[in-house]
């Protein structure tokens, strides 16, 4: 099959979080080659007419969509699925509807509450809910990859008004729209999900972030450095663990059920990763829904495939199958 790999172009001098898309392109390209597909790369910008022209020229049977950001923001990545849908070209991963439903983390939390799925209390700058004081984490509302998240993002606020002042200050400093979420001081899990080559939903092995190397007073979070700064303490002190005790089995079963419920409720497609925090009472809270999560070989999704007995190439092939509703001609 002829498959076009579409990806955004990192700017010159871009940080590692932006450059990572090129690592994903290489990994996916190799996997598709091993499955005997013909591939062609098509770099993508906000020039959608140029992308349309390139697609008409190359006439791929499928597009592997690795576009994470356009015009300097994750919010515009939805334009590529919209274009592909308008052209009737099968493509991998999240639909435009999926991306629109999950791009705004606050809207996701509101929807989770409607679904009676557990998620921590939150605050945005233009609302004043009856929110008690405590410890919070301040995060970008629309951007991913832990942009702007470091130890200073975890802070104490006496009430909602004090928290709004903090949000305003950090918004000015970072130049991003932010929201605050009550900090769950506990364990952190990532649960990846994929459809297999029969079309059935498969929840992959859950991973827990091991914070045991952190000093006692250091916030146990996976911030920007933990994900992208290979020379940082956080990067080396946040390994994933796939080993669990028998006491964790009921929690793992609950995370599996929640992950499938979220997948079905948001009508997700292809592959995704759900992030959770677990409090001291072993209660899970949904942090984020990651559609089209990172496919780099050293990222969490690839690790989950491996620990589930699925080769990376077979995982990529399943993602391609899902682009056709798992029923290729």
Protein backbone atom coordinates (compact mmCIF):
# COMPACT_ATOMS: atom_id res chain seq x y z
CA UNK A 1 0.00 0.00 0.00
CA UNK A 2 1.17 3.53 -0.72
CA UNK A 3 1.11 5.52 2.52
CA UNK A 4 1.93 9.20 2.89
CA UNK A 5 3.44 10.19 6.23
CA UNK A 6 2.32 13.75 6.95
CA UNK A 7 4.15 15.68 9.66
CA UNK A 8 4.57 19.24 10.85
CA UNK A 9 7.91 21.00 10.32
CA UNK A 10 9.72 22.10 13.50
CA UNK A 11 11.09 25.61 13.36
CA UNK A 12 14.83 26.25 13.33
CA UNK A 13 16.18 25.97 16.85
CA UNK A 14 12.99 24.31 18.07
CA UNK A 15 13.04 22.56 21.47
CA UNK A 16 13.27 18.79 21.78
CA UNK A 17 9.52 18.52 22.33
CA UNK A 18 8.97 19.90 18.80
CA UNK A 19 11.84 17.98 17.18
CA UNK A 20 10.46 14.69 18.47
CA UNK A 21 8.01 14.50 15.56
CA UNK A 22 10.98 13.77 13.25
CA UNK A 23 11.92 10.77 15.42
CA UNK A 24 8.36 9.54 15.07
CA UNK A 25 8.51 9.89 11.29
CA UNK A 26 11.65 7.73 11.14
CA UNK A 27 10.19 5.06 13.43
CA UNK A 28 6.86 4.86 11.61
CA UNK A 29 8.56 4.89 8.21
CA UNK A 30 10.75 1.94 9.22
CA UNK A 31 7.80 0.01 10.63
CA UNK A 32 5.73 0.53 7.48
CA UNK A 33 8.69 -0.55 5.34
CA UNK A 34 8.98 -3.77 7.37
CA UNK A 35 5.33 -4.41 6.55
CA UNK A 36 6.13 -3.89 2.84
CA UNK A 37 4.31 -0.59 2.41
CA UNK A 38 5.54 2.12 0.07
CA UNK A 39 5.94 5.39 1.96
CA UNK A 40 6.37 9.02 1.05
CA UNK A 41 6.93 11.93 3.44
CA UNK A 42 4.87 15.08 3.06
CA UNK A 43 5.91 17.92 5.39
CA UNK A 44 2.98 20.09 6.37
CA UNK A 45 2.50 23.77 7.21
CA UNK A 46 -0.53 26.03 7.42
CA UNK A 47 -0.45 26.12 3.61
CA UNK A 48 -3.27 23.60 3.26
CA UNK A 49 -3.62 24.29 -0.46
CA UNK A 50 -0.04 23.10 -0.85
CA UNK A 51 -0.84 19.97 1.16
CA UNK A 52 -3.91 19.30 -0.96
CA UNK A 53 -1.84 19.66 -4.13
CA UNK A 54 0.83 17.26 -2.82
CA UNK A 55 -1.79 14.67 -1.90
CA UNK A 56 -3.41 14.87 -5.33
CA UNK A 57 0.00 14.50 -6.97
CA UNK A 58 1.13 11.49 -4.94
CA UNK A 59 -2.32 9.85 -4.62
CA UNK A 60 -1.66 7.82 -1.43
CA UNK A 61 -4.06 5.08 -0.45
CA UNK A 62 -3.72 6.12 3.17
CA UNK A 63 -2.18 8.93 5.21
CA UNK A 64 -0.29 8.32 8.44
CA UNK A 65 -1.01 11.53 10.31
CA UNK A 66 1.84 12.70 12.55
CA UNK A 67 0.92 16.38 12.56
CA UNK A 68 1.03 17.53 16.19
CA UNK A 69 1.02 21.29 15.77
CA UNK A 70 0.55 23.96 13.11
CA UNK A 71 1.35 27.65 13.21
CA UNK A 72 2.99 27.25 16.59
CA UNK A 73 0.00 25.77 18.41
CA UNK A 74 -1.47 22.30 18.99
CA UNK A 75 -4.95 23.77 18.53
CA UNK A 76 -4.57 24.00 14.75
CA UNK A 77 -3.51 20.36 14.25
CA UNK A 78 -7.19 19.57 13.68
CA UNK A 79 -6.99 21.27 10.26
CA UNK A 80 -5.19 18.28 8.74
CA UNK A 81 -7.86 15.68 9.60
CA UNK A 82 -10.48 18.16 8.39
CA UNK A 83 -8.72 18.42 5.04
CA UNK A 84 -8.26 14.66 4.73
CA UNK A 85 -11.91 14.04 5.59
CA UNK A 86 -12.99 16.56 2.96
CA UNK A 87 -10.83 14.76 0.37
CA UNK A 88 -12.08 11.31 1.36
CA UNK A 89 -8.57 9.98 2.08
CA UNK A 90 -8.30 7.35 4.84
CA UNK A 91 -5.94 8.47 7.61
CA UNK A 92 -4.65 7.14 10.89
CA UNK A 93 -5.50 8.14 14.42
CA UNK A 94 -7.96 10.68 15.72
CA UNK A 95 -10.68 12.17 13.56
CA UNK A 96 -11.29 15.91 13.48
CA UNK A 97 -14.22 15.31 15.84
CA UNK A 98 -11.88 13.51 18.27
CA UNK A 99 -9.33 16.32 18.20
CA UNK A 100 -11.95 19.02 18.68
CA UNK A 101 -13.43 17.10 21.62
CA UNK A 102 -10.10 16.59 23.39
CA UNK A 103 -7.98 19.65 22.52
CA UNK A 104 -9.41 21.76 25.36
CA UNK A 105 -8.45 20.04 28.63
CA UNK A 106 -11.10 21.96 30.56
CA UNK A 107 -13.85 20.87 28.16
CA UNK A 108 -12.60 17.30 28.56
CA UNK A 109 -12.92 17.59 32.34
CA UNK A 110 -16.46 18.94 32.03
CA UNK A 111 -17.39 16.04 29.75
CA UNK A 112 -15.79 13.55 32.15
CA UNK A 113 -17.94 14.94 34.96
CA UNK A 114 -21.05 14.48 32.79
CA UNK A 115 -19.98 10.87 32.25
CA UNK A 116 -19.48 10.43 36.00
CA UNK A 117 -15.82 9.66 35.38
CA UNK A 118 -13.54 10.90 38.18
CA UNK A 119 -11.43 13.98 37.52
CA UNK A 120 -9.96 16.53 39.93
CA UNK A 121 -11.59 19.91 40.59
CA UNK A 122 -10.34 22.79 38.43
CA UNK A 123 -10.47 26.53 37.89
CA UNK A 124 -10.17 28.77 34.83
CA UNK A 125 -9.52 32.50 34.94
CA UNK A 126 -13.01 33.63 33.85
CA UNK A 127 -14.89 31.56 36.43
CA UNK A 128 -15.17 31.81 40.20
CA UNK A 129 -16.43 28.47 41.52
CA UNK A 130 -16.84 27.65 45.19
CA UNK A 131 -13.41 26.08 45.37
CA UNK A 132 -11.67 25.45 48.67
CA UNK A 133 -7.98 26.23 49.04
CA UNK A 134 -5.21 23.66 48.92
CA UNK A 135 -2.51 22.42 46.57
CA UNK A 136 -2.98 22.89 42.82
CA UNK A 137 -1.06 22.35 39.60
CA UNK A 138 -1.21 25.03 36.89
CA UNK A 139 -1.16 23.68 33.32
CA UNK A 140 -1.64 24.85 29.72
CA UNK A 141 -5.25 24.50 28.65
CA UNK A 142 -4.59 23.59 25.01
CA UNK A 143 -0.91 22.66 24.58
CA UNK A 144 0.53 19.24 25.32
CA UNK A 145 4.02 17.77 25.91
CA UNK A 146 4.09 19.26 29.45
CA UNK A 147 4.93 22.69 28.06
CA UNK A 148 5.45 25.15 30.91
CA UNK A 149 5.19 22.54 33.67
CA UNK A 150 7.95 22.44 36.29
CA UNK A 151 8.09 22.25 40.10
CA UNK A 152 6.85 25.84 40.39
CA UNK A 153 3.60 24.81 38.68
CA UNK A 154 2.61 22.95 41.88
CA UNK A 155 1.57 25.51 44.46
CA UNK A 156 -0.64 26.36 47.41
CA UNK A 157 -3.62 28.71 47.17
CA UNK A 158 -5.87 29.75 50.02
CA UNK A 159 -9.01 30.17 47.90
CA UNK A 160 -10.30 30.56 44.36
CA UNK A 161 -9.54 34.29 44.21
CA UNK A 162 -5.91 33.75 45.19
CA UNK A 163 -5.65 31.00 42.60
CA UNK A 164 -7.02 33.33 39.89
CA UNK A 165 -4.26 35.84 40.69
CA UNK A 166 -1.68 33.07 40.34
CA UNK A 167 -3.19 32.01 37.01
CA UNK A 168 -3.06 35.58 35.71
CA UNK A 169 0.61 35.96 36.69
CA UNK A 170 1.71 32.66 35.16
CA UNK A 171 -0.34 33.30 32.01
CA UNK A 172 1.55 36.57 31.49
CA UNK A 173 4.88 34.84 32.13
CA UNK A 174 4.31 31.87 29.84
CA UNK A 175 2.14 33.47 27.17
CA UNK A 176 -0.23 30.49 27.26
CA UNK A 177 -3.84 30.09 28.34
CA UNK A 178 -3.72 28.15 31.61
CA UNK A 179 -6.02 26.47 34.09
CA UNK A 180 -5.51 25.15 37.60
CA UNK A 181 -6.31 21.62 38.73
CA UNK A 182 -6.39 20.33 42.28
CA UNK A 183 -3.16 18.41 42.76
CA UNK A 184 -3.58 14.71 43.49
CA UNK A 185 -0.52 13.83 45.57
CA UNK A 186 -0.18 10.17 44.75
CA UNK A 187 0.73 7.69 42.03
CA UNK A 188 0.64 8.34 38.27
CA UNK A 189 -0.37 5.84 35.60
CA UNK A 190 -0.51 5.89 31.79
CA UNK A 191 -2.89 3.48 30.06
CA UNK A 192 -2.64 3.11 26.28
CA UNK A 193 -5.35 1.68 24.06
CA UNK A 194 -5.46 0.54 20.45
CA UNK A 195 -7.74 -1.35 18.10
CA UNK A 196 -6.25 -4.65 16.92
CA UNK A 197 -6.41 -6.11 13.42
CA UNK A 198 -9.90 -7.52 14.09
CA UNK A 199 -11.27 -4.14 15.07
CA UNK A 200 -11.49 -5.08 18.76
CA UNK A 201 -10.37 -2.59 21.39
CA UNK A 202 -7.20 -3.66 23.20
CA UNK A 203 -6.05 -2.00 26.42
CA UNK A 204 -2.27 -2.29 26.61
CA UNK A 205 -0.23 -2.96 29.73
CA UNK A 206 -0.56 -0.05 32.17
CA UNK A 207 2.58 1.83 33.14
CA UNK A 208 3.28 3.55 36.44
CA UNK A 209 5.74 6.41 36.74
CA UNK A 210 8.31 5.55 39.40
CA UNK A 211 9.00 8.65 41.53
CA UNK A 212 10.96 6.77 44.22
CA UNK A 213 14.20 8.63 43.41
CA UNK A 214 12.60 12.03 44.06
CA UNK A 215 13.47 13.86 47.28
CA UNK A 216 10.57 13.93 49.72
CA UNK A 217 9.80 17.64 49.19
CA UNK A 218 9.90 17.49 45.36
CA UNK A 219 6.53 17.41 43.55
CA UNK A 220 5.94 14.02 41.99
CA UNK A 221 5.03 15.17 38.50
CA UNK A 222 6.15 14.42 34.95
CA UNK A 223 7.08 17.94 33.91
CA UNK A 224 8.77 19.23 30.79
CA UNK A 225 12.29 18.23 31.87
CA UNK A 226 11.18 14.70 32.75
CA UNK A 227 9.93 14.25 29.20
CA UNK A 228 12.46 16.14 27.12
CA UNK A 229 15.64 17.25 28.93
CA UNK A 230 17.91 14.22 28.70
CA UNK A 231 20.58 15.83 30.91
CA UNK A 232 18.15 16.56 33.76
CA UNK A 233 17.60 14.72 37.04
CA UNK A 234 13.87 14.43 36.28
CA UNK A 235 14.46 12.72 32.94
CA UNK A 236 16.42 9.88 34.55
CA UNK A 237 14.40 9.72 37.77
CA UNK A 238 10.97 9.03 36.22
CA UNK A 239 11.22 5.54 34.69
CA UNK A 240 8.10 3.58 33.75
CA UNK A 241 7.27 0.42 35.62
CA UNK A 242 5.08 -2.40 34.31
CA UNK A 243 5.47 -4.55 37.43
CA UNK A 244 2.63 -4.56 39.97
CA UNK A 245 1.82 -6.37 43.17
CA UNK A 246 -1.28 -8.55 43.65
CA UNK A 247 -2.70 -5.71 45.78
CA UNK A 248 -2.82 -3.52 42.66
CA UNK A 249 -4.99 -5.86 40.61
CA UNK A 250 -8.33 -4.29 41.55
CA UNK A 251 -6.95 -0.84 40.73
CA UNK A 252 -5.59 -2.03 37.38
CA UNK A 253 -8.95 -3.59 36.55
CA UNK A 254 -10.69 -0.30 37.35
CA UNK A 255 -8.23 1.66 35.17
CA UNK A 256 -8.89 -0.79 32.33
CA UNK A 257 -12.65 -0.26 32.65
CA UNK A 258 -12.30 3.52 32.84
CA UNK A 259 -10.04 3.58 29.77
CA UNK A 260 -12.53 1.60 27.67
CA UNK A 261 -15.40 3.76 28.93
CA UNK A 262 -13.56 6.94 27.92
CA UNK A 263 -12.58 5.48 24.53
CA UNK A 264 -16.21 4.61 23.79
CA UNK A 265 -17.74 7.78 25.26
CA UNK A 266 -15.46 10.07 23.24
CA UNK A 267 -15.80 7.79 20.17
CA UNK A 268 -12.01 7.63 19.83
CA UNK A 269 -10.28 5.88 16.95
CA UNK A 270 -6.95 4.27 16.17
CA UNK A 271 -4.91 4.74 19.34
CA UNK A 272 -4.84 6.87 22.47
CA UNK A 273 -3.37 7.17 25.96
CA UNK A 274 -5.21 8.11 29.14
CA UNK A 275 -3.23 9.55 32.06
CA UNK A 276 -4.36 9.04 35.66
CA UNK A 277 -3.41 10.11 39.17
CA UNK A 278 -4.23 7.83 42.11
CA UNK A 279 -4.82 9.32 45.55
CA UNK A 280 -3.91 7.87 48.94
CA UNK A 281 -7.25 6.06 49.10
CA UNK A 282 -6.50 4.26 45.81
CA UNK A 283 -9.07 6.36 43.95
CA UNK A 284 -8.23 7.16 40.30
CA UNK A 285 -8.62 10.60 38.72
CA UNK A 286 -8.43 11.15 34.96
CA UNK A 287 -5.74 13.70 34.10
CA UNK A 288 -5.80 13.86 30.31
CA UNK A 289 -6.94 12.14 27.16
CA UNK A 290 -4.08 11.99 24.67
CA UNK A 291 -5.27 11.33 21.14
CA UNK A 292 -2.48 10.42 18.70
CA UNK A 293 0.09 10.01 21.51
CA UNK A 294 3.81 10.07 20.73
CA UNK A 295 5.02 7.09 18.66
CA UNK A 296 8.76 7.52 19.22
CA UNK A 297 10.49 4.24 20.05
CA UNK A 298 11.45 5.49 23.51
CA UNK A 299 7.99 6.85 24.36
CA UNK A 300 5.29 5.35 26.54
CA UNK A 301 3.09 4.00 23.77
CA UNK A 302 5.89 1.92 22.23
CA UNK A 303 6.81 0.64 25.70
CA UNK A 304 3.19 -0.36 26.34
CA UNK A 305 3.08 -2.24 23.03
CA UNK A 306 6.26 -4.13 23.93
CA UNK A 307 5.03 -5.05 27.40
CA UNK A 308 1.75 -6.26 25.90
CA UNK A 309 3.55 -8.65 23.55
CA UNK A 310 2.85 -6.52 20.46
CA UNK A 311 5.75 -5.59 18.21
CA UNK A 312 6.10 -1.97 17.23
CA UNK A 313 5.57 -2.87 13.55
CA UNK A 314 2.39 -4.80 14.36
CA UNK A 315 1.13 -1.88 16.44
CA UNK A 316 1.72 0.53 13.56
CA UNK A 317 -0.05 -1.90 11.21
CA UNK A 318 -3.06 -1.99 13.55
CA UNK A 319 -3.17 1.81 13.50
CA UNK A 320 -3.23 1.68 9.69
CA UNK A 321 -5.98 -0.96 9.76
CA UNK A 322 -8.11 1.30 11.96
CA UNK A 323 -7.93 4.04 9.30
CA UNK A 324 -10.03 1.73 7.11
CA UNK A 325 -12.38 0.62 9.86
CA UNK A 326 -10.24 -2.54 10.02
CA UNK A 327 -11.70 -3.76 6.72
CA UNK A 328 -9.26 -3.09 3.92
CA UNK A 329 -10.20 -4.18 0.46
